[in-house]
Amino acid sequence: MIKADDTQLVERCLCGEVKAFDILVEKYQKPIFNIVYRMCHDYEDARDLTQAVFVRVYEKLGSYNSEYKFFSWIYRIAINESLNYMGQKKAMSAIPEDYHSEDNTPVEILEQVEMTENINHCLTQIDPKYRALIVLKHFQNCSYEQISQIMDLPEKIIKSRLYMARQQLGRVLMKKGVV
């Protein structure tokens, strides 16, 4: 099977080919889940949000501009859905990630879990627009260019806001005694 690029898959979706949308969902489900989970810190809510993102993507597929990367477009939808969700629901909880590594001792694994829980908790204390930037840069490993496309802002503003986001997170981490 020849691997189709995202633009071709979108075109096939718009022509009514359901399998093409299934391929897009399969390709992006995990990264979208990861980003919405980092935003809402609740596994079940992240599953629901991921589904909502793909419903929105399907509804808006006709408005996708192929001059831009599909990755950026779908991530922007995920960020918007997450921010809307957080505006509606204030109480958030964090669950630890899967930390199975042959290189780490049980004590190191426990320390990683505790640090991640502390950071996740502190992330919930900062402004959601800053949280989105930290998640994209440090948890999703997006470049400044990718974040700029996702957030639809110039790179210079992204760098400035990311600096402010790190400052805000640093203050919360220090206040909580995490660092």
N, C-alpha and C. Protein backbone atom coordinates (compact mmCIF):
# COMPACT_ATOMS: atom_id res chain seq x y z
N MET A 1 0.85 -1.19 0.00
CA MET A 1 0.00 0.00 0.00
C MET A 1 0.88 1.25 0.00
N ILE A 2 0.60 2.17 -0.86
CA ILE A 2 1.34 3.43 -0.94
C ILE A 2 0.84 4.34 0.17
N LYS A 3 1.79 4.94 0.85
CA LYS A 3 1.45 5.82 1.97
C LYS A 3 1.01 7.18 1.41
N ALA A 4 -0.23 7.55 1.68
CA ALA A 4 -0.77 8.82 1.19
C ALA A 4 -0.41 9.94 2.16
N ASP A 5 -0.14 11.13 1.61
CA ASP A 5 0.12 12.26 2.50
C ASP A 5 -1.22 12.81 3.01
N ASP A 6 -1.12 13.66 4.00
CA ASP A 6 -2.32 14.18 4.66
C ASP A 6 -3.25 14.92 3.70
N THR A 7 -2.68 15.71 2.80
CA THR A 7 -3.51 16.47 1.86
C THR A 7 -4.32 15.53 0.97
N GLN A 8 -3.68 14.46 0.50
CA GLN A 8 -4.40 13.48 -0.32
C GLN A 8 -5.49 12.80 0.49
N LEU A 9 -5.19 12.48 1.74
CA LEU A 9 -6.20 11.85 2.60
C LEU A 9 -7.39 12.78 2.82
N VAL A 10 -7.12 14.06 3.04
CA VAL A 10 -8.20 15.03 3.22
C VAL A 10 -9.06 15.09 1.96
N GLU A 11 -8.41 15.14 0.80
CA GLU A 11 -9.16 15.18 -0.47
C GLU A 11 -10.02 13.94 -0.62
N ARG A 12 -9.48 12.79 -0.25
CA ARG A 12 -10.25 11.54 -0.34
C ARG A 12 -11.43 11.57 0.64
N CYS A 13 -11.21 12.13 1.82
CA CYS A 13 -12.31 12.27 2.80
C CYS A 13 -13.42 13.14 2.23
N LEU A 14 -13.02 14.24 1.63
CA LEU A 14 -14.01 15.17 1.08
C LEU A 14 -14.78 14.55 -0.08
N CYS A 15 -14.21 13.52 -0.69
CA CYS A 15 -14.91 12.79 -1.76
C CYS A 15 -15.77 11.66 -1.19
N GLY A 16 -15.80 11.55 0.14
CA GLY A 16 -16.66 10.57 0.78
C GLY A 16 -16.01 9.25 1.15
N GLU A 17 -14.70 9.16 1.05
CA GLU A 17 -14.01 7.92 1.37
C GLU A 17 -13.76 7.83 2.88
N VAL A 18 -14.55 7.01 3.55
CA VAL A 18 -14.49 6.88 5.01
C VAL A 18 -13.13 6.33 5.46
N LYS A 19 -12.58 5.39 4.71
CA LYS A 19 -11.30 4.78 5.07
C LYS A 19 -10.19 5.83 5.17
N ALA A 20 -10.24 6.85 4.36
CA ALA A 20 -9.22 7.90 4.40
C ALA A 20 -9.26 8.64 5.74
N PHE A 21 -10.46 8.90 6.24
CA PHE A 21 -10.56 9.56 7.55
C PHE A 21 -10.07 8.63 8.65
N ASP A 22 -10.37 7.34 8.53
CA ASP A 22 -9.87 6.36 9.51
C ASP A 22 -8.34 6.39 9.57
N ILE A 23 -7.70 6.55 8.43
CA ILE A 23 -6.24 6.61 8.38
C ILE A 23 -5.74 7.87 9.10
N LEU A 24 -6.40 9.00 8.87
CA LEU A 24 -6.02 10.24 9.56
C LEU A 24 -6.18 10.09 11.07
N VAL A 25 -7.29 9.48 11.48
CA VAL A 25 -7.53 9.28 12.92
C VAL A 25 -6.44 8.39 13.50
N GLU A 26 -6.15 7.30 12.82
CA GLU A 26 -5.12 6.38 13.31
C GLU A 26 -3.76 7.07 13.42
N LYS A 27 -3.46 7.90 12.45
CA LYS A 27 -2.17 8.60 12.42
C LYS A 27 -2.04 9.63 13.54
N TYR A 28 -3.13 10.34 13.84
CA TYR A 28 -3.05 11.47 14.77
C TYR A 28 -3.69 11.23 16.13
N GLN A 29 -4.32 10.09 16.34
CA GLN A 29 -5.03 9.86 17.60
C GLN A 29 -4.11 9.94 18.81
N LYS A 30 -2.97 9.28 18.76
CA LYS A 30 -2.06 9.29 19.91
C LYS A 30 -1.49 10.68 20.19
N PRO A 31 -0.96 11.40 19.18
CA PRO A 31 -0.44 12.74 19.48
C PRO A 31 -1.52 13.70 19.97
N ILE A 32 -2.73 13.57 19.43
CA ILE A 32 -3.82 14.45 19.89
C ILE A 32 -4.20 14.10 21.32
N PHE A 33 -4.30 12.81 21.62
CA PHE A 33 -4.60 12.40 22.99
C PHE A 33 -3.53 12.96 23.94
N ASN A 34 -2.27 12.82 23.57
CA ASN A 34 -1.19 13.29 24.43
C ASN A 34 -1.30 14.78 24.72
N ILE A 35 -1.60 15.56 23.71
CA ILE A 35 -1.66 17.01 23.94
C ILE A 35 -2.88 17.38 24.78
N VAL A 36 -4.03 16.77 24.52
CA VAL A 36 -5.21 17.14 25.32
C VAL A 36 -5.08 16.62 26.74
N TYR A 37 -4.42 15.47 26.91
CA TYR A 37 -4.19 14.96 28.27
C TYR A 37 -3.29 15.93 29.04
N ARG A 38 -2.26 16.42 28.39
CA ARG A 38 -1.35 17.38 29.05
C ARG A 38 -2.08 18.67 29.40
N MET A 39 -3.11 18.98 28.66
CA MET A 39 -3.87 20.21 28.93
C MET A 39 -4.89 20.00 30.05
N CYS A 40 -5.56 18.83 30.07
CA CYS A 40 -6.65 18.65 31.04
C CYS A 40 -6.28 17.76 32.22
N HIS A 41 -5.26 16.93 32.10
CA HIS A 41 -4.77 16.08 33.19
C HIS A 41 -5.80 15.09 33.71
N ASP A 42 -6.67 14.62 32.86
CA ASP A 42 -7.65 13.61 33.26
C ASP A 42 -7.80 12.63 32.10
N TYR A 43 -7.53 11.37 32.37
CA TYR A 43 -7.50 10.36 31.32
C TYR A 43 -8.84 10.25 30.58
N GLU A 44 -9.92 10.10 31.32
CA GLU A 44 -11.24 9.95 30.69
C GLU A 44 -11.63 11.21 29.91
N ASP A 45 -11.38 12.36 30.51
CA ASP A 45 -11.69 13.62 29.81
C ASP A 45 -10.85 13.75 28.55
N ALA A 46 -9.60 13.32 28.62
CA ALA A 46 -8.72 13.39 27.44
C ALA A 46 -9.23 12.47 26.33
N ARG A 47 -9.75 11.32 26.70
CA ARG A 47 -10.34 10.42 25.69
C ARG A 47 -11.54 11.09 25.03
N ASP A 48 -12.41 11.68 25.87
CA ASP A 48 -13.58 12.38 25.33
C ASP A 48 -13.18 13.56 24.46
N LEU A 49 -12.19 14.32 24.93
CA LEU A 49 -11.71 15.47 24.17
C LEU A 49 -11.09 15.05 22.84
N THR A 50 -10.35 13.95 22.86
CA THR A 50 -9.75 13.45 21.63
C THR A 50 -10.84 13.12 20.61
N GLN A 51 -11.89 12.47 21.09
CA GLN A 51 -13.01 12.16 20.19
C GLN A 51 -13.66 13.45 19.68
N ALA A 52 -13.83 14.42 20.57
CA ALA A 52 -14.43 15.70 20.17
C ALA A 52 -13.56 16.41 19.13
N VAL A 53 -12.25 16.31 19.28
CA VAL A 53 -11.33 16.92 18.31
C VAL A 53 -11.56 16.30 16.93
N PHE A 54 -11.66 14.98 16.87
CA PHE A 54 -11.84 14.34 15.57
C PHE A 54 -13.22 14.60 14.98
N VAL A 55 -14.23 14.76 15.82
CA VAL A 55 -15.54 15.16 15.32
C VAL A 55 -15.44 16.54 14.70
N ARG A 56 -14.76 17.46 15.40
CA ARG A 56 -14.58 18.83 14.90
C ARG A 56 -13.77 18.82 13.60
N VAL A 57 -12.72 18.01 13.57
CA VAL A 57 -11.90 17.90 12.35
C VAL A 57 -12.77 17.45 11.18
N TYR A 58 -13.59 16.44 11.41
CA TYR A 58 -14.46 15.93 10.35
C TYR A 58 -15.43 17.01 9.88
N GLU A 59 -16.00 17.74 10.83
CA GLU A 59 -16.95 18.80 10.49
C GLU A 59 -16.29 19.93 9.70
N LYS A 60 -15.03 20.23 10.03
CA LYS A 60 -14.33 21.38 9.45
C LYS A 60 -13.39 21.00 8.30
N LEU A 61 -13.38 19.74 7.92
CA LEU A 61 -12.43 19.28 6.91
C LEU A 61 -12.47 20.11 5.63
N GLY A 62 -13.64 20.57 5.27
CA GLY A 62 -13.78 21.39 4.06
C GLY A 62 -13.09 22.74 4.16
N SER A 63 -12.83 23.20 5.37
CA SER A 63 -12.18 24.50 5.55
C SER A 63 -10.65 24.39 5.66
N TYR A 64 -10.13 23.15 5.63
CA TYR A 64 -8.68 22.97 5.71
C TYR A 64 -8.02 23.55 4.46
N ASN A 65 -6.99 24.38 4.68
CA ASN A 65 -6.23 24.99 3.59
C ASN A 65 -4.95 24.17 3.40
N SER A 66 -4.83 23.52 2.27
CA SER A 66 -3.69 22.62 2.02
C SER A 66 -2.36 23.36 1.88
N GLU A 67 -2.38 24.69 1.90
CA GLU A 67 -1.12 25.44 1.89
C GLU A 67 -0.41 25.31 3.24
N TYR A 68 -1.16 24.93 4.27
CA TYR A 68 -0.61 24.77 5.61
C TYR A 68 -0.52 23.29 5.95
N LYS A 69 0.33 22.97 6.90
CA LYS A 69 0.47 21.58 7.31
C LYS A 69 -0.79 21.12 8.05
N PHE A 70 -1.23 19.92 7.72
CA PHE A 70 -2.40 19.34 8.38
C PHE A 70 -2.12 19.19 9.87
N PHE A 71 -0.89 18.79 10.20
CA PHE A 71 -0.45 18.65 11.59
C PHE A 71 -0.75 19.92 12.38
N SER A 72 -0.39 21.06 11.86
CA SER A 72 -0.61 22.33 12.55
C SER A 72 -2.10 22.62 12.70
N TRP A 73 -2.85 22.35 11.66
CA TRP A 73 -4.29 22.61 11.67
C TRP A 73 -5.00 21.75 12.71
N ILE A 74 -4.70 20.47 12.75
CA ILE A 74 -5.38 19.57 13.69
C ILE A 74 -4.93 19.86 15.13
N TYR A 75 -3.65 20.22 15.32
CA TYR A 75 -3.18 20.56 16.66
C TYR A 75 -3.86 21.83 17.15
N ARG A 76 -4.08 22.77 16.27
CA ARG A 76 -4.77 24.01 16.67
C ARG A 76 -6.19 23.68 17.12
N ILE A 77 -6.86 22.79 16.43
CA ILE A 77 -8.19 22.37 16.84
C ILE A 77 -8.12 21.71 18.22
N ALA A 78 -7.11 20.87 18.43
CA ALA A 78 -6.96 20.20 19.73
C ALA A 78 -6.73 21.21 20.85
N ILE A 79 -5.89 22.20 20.60
CA ILE A 79 -5.64 23.25 21.60
C ILE A 79 -6.92 24.01 21.89
N ASN A 80 -7.64 24.40 20.85
CA ASN A 80 -8.89 25.15 21.05
C ASN A 80 -9.91 24.34 21.83
N GLU A 81 -10.07 23.08 21.48
CA GLU A 81 -11.02 22.22 22.20
C GLU A 81 -10.61 22.08 23.66
N SER A 82 -9.30 21.95 23.91
CA SER A 82 -8.81 21.82 25.28
C SER A 82 -9.05 23.10 26.08
N LEU A 83 -8.76 24.24 25.46
CA LEU A 83 -8.98 25.52 26.14
C LEU A 83 -10.46 25.74 26.42
N ASN A 84 -11.32 25.37 25.48
CA ASN A 84 -12.77 25.49 25.71
C ASN A 84 -13.20 24.59 26.86
N TYR A 85 -12.68 23.39 26.89
CA TYR A 85 -12.99 22.44 27.96
C TYR A 85 -12.57 23.01 29.31
N MET A 86 -11.34 23.54 29.36
CA MET A 86 -10.83 24.06 30.63
C MET A 86 -11.62 25.27 31.09
N GLY A 87 -12.16 26.01 30.16
CA GLY A 87 -13.01 27.14 30.52
C GLY A 87 -14.31 26.67 31.14
N GLN A 88 -14.75 25.48 30.77
CA GLN A 88 -16.01 24.94 31.29
C GLN A 88 -15.80 24.14 32.57
N LYS A 89 -14.65 23.55 32.74
CA LYS A 89 -14.40 22.69 33.90
C LYS A 89 -13.11 23.11 34.60
N LYS A 90 -13.23 23.55 35.82
CA LYS A 90 -12.07 24.06 36.54
C LYS A 90 -11.30 22.97 37.28
N ALA A 91 -11.99 21.98 37.81
CA ALA A 91 -11.34 20.95 38.61
C ALA A 91 -10.61 19.97 37.70
N MET A 92 -9.31 19.82 37.92
CA MET A 92 -8.51 18.91 37.10
C MET A 92 -7.72 17.98 38.01
N SER A 93 -7.45 16.79 37.53
CA SER A 93 -6.63 15.86 38.30
C SER A 93 -5.53 15.32 37.40
N ALA A 94 -4.46 14.87 38.00
CA ALA A 94 -3.34 14.34 37.23
C ALA A 94 -3.15 12.87 37.57
N ILE A 95 -2.80 12.09 36.57
CA ILE A 95 -2.45 10.70 36.80
C ILE A 95 -1.05 10.49 36.25
N PRO A 96 -0.28 9.63 36.89
CA PRO A 96 1.08 9.41 36.41
C PRO A 96 1.09 8.67 35.09
N GLU A 97 2.15 8.88 34.33
CA GLU A 97 2.33 8.19 33.07
C GLU A 97 2.93 6.82 33.33
N ASP A 98 3.07 6.05 32.28
CA ASP A 98 3.66 4.73 32.35
C ASP A 98 5.19 4.89 32.40
N TYR A 99 5.80 4.46 33.47
CA TYR A 99 7.24 4.65 33.66
C TYR A 99 7.99 3.33 33.70
N HIS A 100 7.80 2.49 32.74
CA HIS A 100 8.51 1.22 32.72
C HIS A 100 9.79 1.40 31.92
N SER A 101 10.90 1.36 32.61
CA SER A 101 12.20 1.49 31.96
C SER A 101 13.15 0.53 32.63
N GLU A 102 13.86 -0.22 31.82
CA GLU A 102 14.82 -1.18 32.36
C GLU A 102 16.02 -0.49 32.98
N ASP A 103 16.27 0.76 32.62
CA ASP A 103 17.44 1.48 33.10
C ASP A 103 17.23 2.10 34.47
N ASN A 104 16.00 2.26 34.90
CA ASN A 104 15.72 2.97 36.14
C ASN A 104 15.45 2.01 37.30
N THR A 105 15.96 2.38 38.46
CA THR A 105 15.67 1.62 39.68
C THR A 105 14.27 1.99 40.15
N PRO A 106 13.69 1.18 41.03
CA PRO A 106 12.37 1.53 41.56
C PRO A 106 12.33 2.90 42.23
N VAL A 107 13.41 3.28 42.90
CA VAL A 107 13.46 4.59 43.55
C VAL A 107 13.46 5.70 42.49
N GLU A 108 14.23 5.52 41.42
CA GLU A 108 14.25 6.51 40.34
C GLU A 108 12.89 6.63 39.66
N ILE A 109 12.24 5.49 39.47
CA ILE A 109 10.91 5.51 38.86
C ILE A 109 9.94 6.27 39.76
N LEU A 110 9.98 6.01 41.06
CA LEU A 110 9.11 6.71 42.00
C LEU A 110 9.40 8.21 41.98
N GLU A 111 10.66 8.58 41.95
CA GLU A 111 11.02 10.01 41.89
C GLU A 111 10.51 10.65 40.61
N GLN A 112 10.60 9.93 39.48
CA GLN A 112 10.08 10.46 38.21
C GLN A 112 8.57 10.65 38.27
N VAL A 113 7.88 9.67 38.84
CA VAL A 113 6.42 9.75 38.96
C VAL A 113 6.04 10.95 39.83
N GLU A 114 6.72 11.09 40.97
CA GLU A 114 6.43 12.21 41.87
C GLU A 114 6.72 13.55 41.21
N MET A 115 7.84 13.64 40.50
CA MET A 115 8.19 14.89 39.83
C MET A 115 7.16 15.22 38.74
N THR A 116 6.76 14.21 37.97
CA THR A 116 5.76 14.44 36.92
C THR A 116 4.44 14.88 37.53
N GLU A 117 4.02 14.24 38.62
CA GLU A 117 2.78 14.64 39.29
C GLU A 117 2.88 16.08 39.78
N ASN A 118 4.02 16.43 40.36
CA ASN A 118 4.21 17.81 40.84
C ASN A 118 4.18 18.81 39.69
N ILE A 119 4.86 18.49 38.61
CA ILE A 119 4.88 19.40 37.46
C ILE A 119 3.48 19.51 36.86
N ASN A 120 2.80 18.37 36.70
CA ASN A 120 1.44 18.40 36.17
C ASN A 120 0.53 19.25 37.04
N HIS A 121 0.66 19.10 38.35
CA HIS A 121 -0.16 19.90 39.27
C HIS A 121 0.18 21.39 39.11
N CYS A 122 1.46 21.69 39.04
CA CYS A 122 1.87 23.09 38.89
C CYS A 122 1.43 23.66 37.54
N LEU A 123 1.43 22.83 36.50
CA LEU A 123 0.94 23.29 35.19
C LEU A 123 -0.51 23.74 35.26
N THR A 124 -1.30 23.09 36.11
CA THR A 124 -2.71 23.48 36.23
C THR A 124 -2.86 24.84 36.89
N GLN A 125 -1.81 25.32 37.51
CA GLN A 125 -1.87 26.59 38.23
C GLN A 125 -1.50 27.79 37.36
N ILE A 126 -1.02 27.54 36.13
CA ILE A 126 -0.63 28.67 35.28
C ILE A 126 -1.72 28.95 34.24
N ASP A 127 -1.64 30.12 33.65
CA ASP A 127 -2.59 30.56 32.64
C ASP A 127 -2.67 29.52 31.51
N PRO A 128 -3.88 29.10 31.11
CA PRO A 128 -4.02 28.07 30.07
C PRO A 128 -3.31 28.39 28.75
N LYS A 129 -3.24 29.66 28.37
CA LYS A 129 -2.54 29.98 27.11
C LYS A 129 -1.05 29.71 27.25
N TYR A 130 -0.51 29.90 28.45
CA TYR A 130 0.89 29.58 28.68
C TYR A 130 1.09 28.07 28.81
N ARG A 131 0.13 27.41 29.43
CA ARG A 131 0.19 25.96 29.59
C ARG A 131 0.28 25.30 28.21
N ALA A 132 -0.52 25.78 27.28
CA ALA A 132 -0.52 25.21 25.93
C ALA A 132 0.87 25.32 25.30
N LEU A 133 1.52 26.45 25.49
CA LEU A 133 2.87 26.63 24.93
C LEU A 133 3.87 25.67 25.55
N ILE A 134 3.81 25.52 26.87
CA ILE A 134 4.74 24.61 27.55
C ILE A 134 4.50 23.17 27.09
N VAL A 135 3.24 22.80 26.99
CA VAL A 135 2.91 21.45 26.53
C VAL A 135 3.45 21.22 25.12
N LEU A 136 3.21 22.16 24.23
CA LEU A 136 3.66 21.99 22.84
C LEU A 136 5.19 21.92 22.75
N LYS A 137 5.88 22.81 23.46
CA LYS A 137 7.34 22.88 23.35
C LYS A 137 8.03 21.76 24.10
N HIS A 138 7.64 21.53 25.35
CA HIS A 138 8.41 20.64 26.20
C HIS A 138 7.86 19.22 26.33
N PHE A 139 6.59 19.02 26.04
CA PHE A 139 6.03 17.68 26.13
C PHE A 139 5.78 17.08 24.75
N GLN A 140 5.45 17.91 23.77
CA GLN A 140 5.23 17.43 22.41
C GLN A 140 6.44 17.67 21.52
N ASN A 141 7.45 18.37 22.05
CA ASN A 141 8.70 18.64 21.33
C ASN A 141 8.49 19.32 19.98
N CYS A 142 7.54 20.24 19.94
CA CYS A 142 7.31 21.01 18.72
C CYS A 142 8.36 22.11 18.60
N SER A 143 8.72 22.43 17.38
CA SER A 143 9.65 23.53 17.13
C SER A 143 8.90 24.85 17.28
N TYR A 144 9.64 25.95 17.37
CA TYR A 144 9.01 27.26 17.43
C TYR A 144 8.16 27.50 16.18
N GLU A 145 8.66 27.04 15.05
CA GLU A 145 7.92 27.21 13.80
C GLU A 145 6.59 26.45 13.85
N GLN A 146 6.63 25.21 14.34
CA GLN A 146 5.40 24.43 14.45
C GLN A 146 4.41 25.08 15.41
N ILE A 147 4.91 25.54 16.55
CA ILE A 147 4.04 26.19 17.53
C ILE A 147 3.44 27.45 16.93
N SER A 148 4.25 28.18 16.19
CA SER A 148 3.78 29.39 15.53
C SER A 148 2.62 29.08 14.58
N GLN A 149 2.75 28.00 13.83
CA GLN A 149 1.69 27.60 12.91
C GLN A 149 0.46 27.12 13.67
N ILE A 150 0.66 26.34 14.71
CA ILE A 150 -0.46 25.81 15.49
C ILE A 150 -1.24 26.94 16.16
N MET A 151 -0.50 27.86 16.77
CA MET A 151 -1.14 28.94 17.53
C MET A 151 -1.52 30.13 16.65
N ASP A 152 -1.07 30.10 15.40
CA ASP A 152 -1.34 31.18 14.44
C ASP A 152 -0.82 32.52 14.97
N LEU A 153 0.42 32.48 15.46
CA LEU A 153 1.10 33.67 15.98
C LEU A 153 2.52 33.69 15.44
N PRO A 154 3.12 34.87 15.29
CA PRO A 154 4.51 34.95 14.85
C PRO A 154 5.46 34.27 15.85
N GLU A 155 6.55 33.72 15.32
CA GLU A 155 7.53 33.03 16.17
C GLU A 155 8.05 33.94 17.29
N LYS A 156 8.25 35.20 16.99
CA LYS A 156 8.76 36.14 17.99
C LYS A 156 7.82 36.21 19.21
N ILE A 157 6.52 36.25 18.95
CA ILE A 157 5.54 36.28 20.04
C ILE A 157 5.54 34.94 20.78
N ILE A 158 5.67 33.84 20.04
CA ILE A 158 5.72 32.52 20.67
C ILE A 158 6.90 32.45 21.64
N LYS A 159 8.07 32.90 21.19
CA LYS A 159 9.26 32.88 22.05
C LYS A 159 9.06 33.74 23.29
N SER A 160 8.47 34.91 23.11
CA SER A 160 8.23 35.82 24.22
C SER A 160 7.25 35.21 25.22
N ARG A 161 6.15 34.67 24.70
CA ARG A 161 5.14 34.07 25.59
C ARG A 161 5.66 32.80 26.26
N LEU A 162 6.49 32.05 25.55
CA LEU A 162 7.07 30.85 26.15
C LEU A 162 8.01 31.24 27.28
N TYR A 163 8.73 32.32 27.12
CA TYR A 163 9.58 32.82 28.20
C TYR A 163 8.71 33.17 29.42
N MET A 164 7.61 33.88 29.17
CA MET A 164 6.72 34.25 30.28
C MET A 164 6.08 33.00 30.89
N ALA A 165 5.77 32.01 30.06
CA ALA A 165 5.18 30.77 30.55
C ALA A 165 6.15 30.04 31.48
N ARG A 166 7.42 29.99 31.06
CA ARG A 166 8.44 29.33 31.90
C ARG A 166 8.63 30.08 33.21
N GLN A 167 8.60 31.41 33.14
CA GLN A 167 8.73 32.21 34.35
C GLN A 167 7.57 31.92 35.30
N GLN A 168 6.35 31.90 34.75
CA GLN A 168 5.17 31.65 35.57
C GLN A 168 5.22 30.24 36.17
N LEU A 169 5.59 29.25 35.37
CA LEU A 169 5.70 27.88 35.88
C LEU A 169 6.80 27.80 36.93
N GLY A 170 7.92 28.46 36.69
CA GLY A 170 9.01 28.47 37.66
C GLY A 170 8.59 29.03 39.01
N ARG A 171 7.82 30.12 38.98
CA ARG A 171 7.33 30.71 40.24
C ARG A 171 6.42 29.74 40.98
N VAL A 172 5.55 29.06 40.25
CA VAL A 172 4.64 28.10 40.88
C VAL A 172 5.43 26.92 41.44
N LEU A 173 6.41 26.42 40.69
CA LEU A 173 7.24 25.31 41.16
C LEU A 173 8.00 25.69 42.42
N MET A 174 8.54 26.90 42.46
CA MET A 174 9.27 27.36 43.65
C MET A 174 8.33 27.53 44.83
N LYS A 175 7.15 28.09 44.58
CA LYS A 175 6.17 28.30 45.64
C LYS A 175 5.74 26.97 46.25
N LYS A 176 5.61 25.95 45.42
CA LYS A 176 5.19 24.62 45.89
C LYS A 176 6.37 23.82 46.44
N GLY A 177 7.58 24.37 46.31
CA GLY A 177 8.76 23.67 46.83
C GLY A 177 9.21 22.51 45.97
N VAL A 178 8.84 22.51 44.71
CA VAL A 178 9.21 21.42 43.81
C VAL A 178 10.65 21.57 43.34
N VAL A 179 11.08 22.83 43.14
CA VAL A 179 12.47 23.07 42.73
C VAL A 179 13.17 23.95 43.73
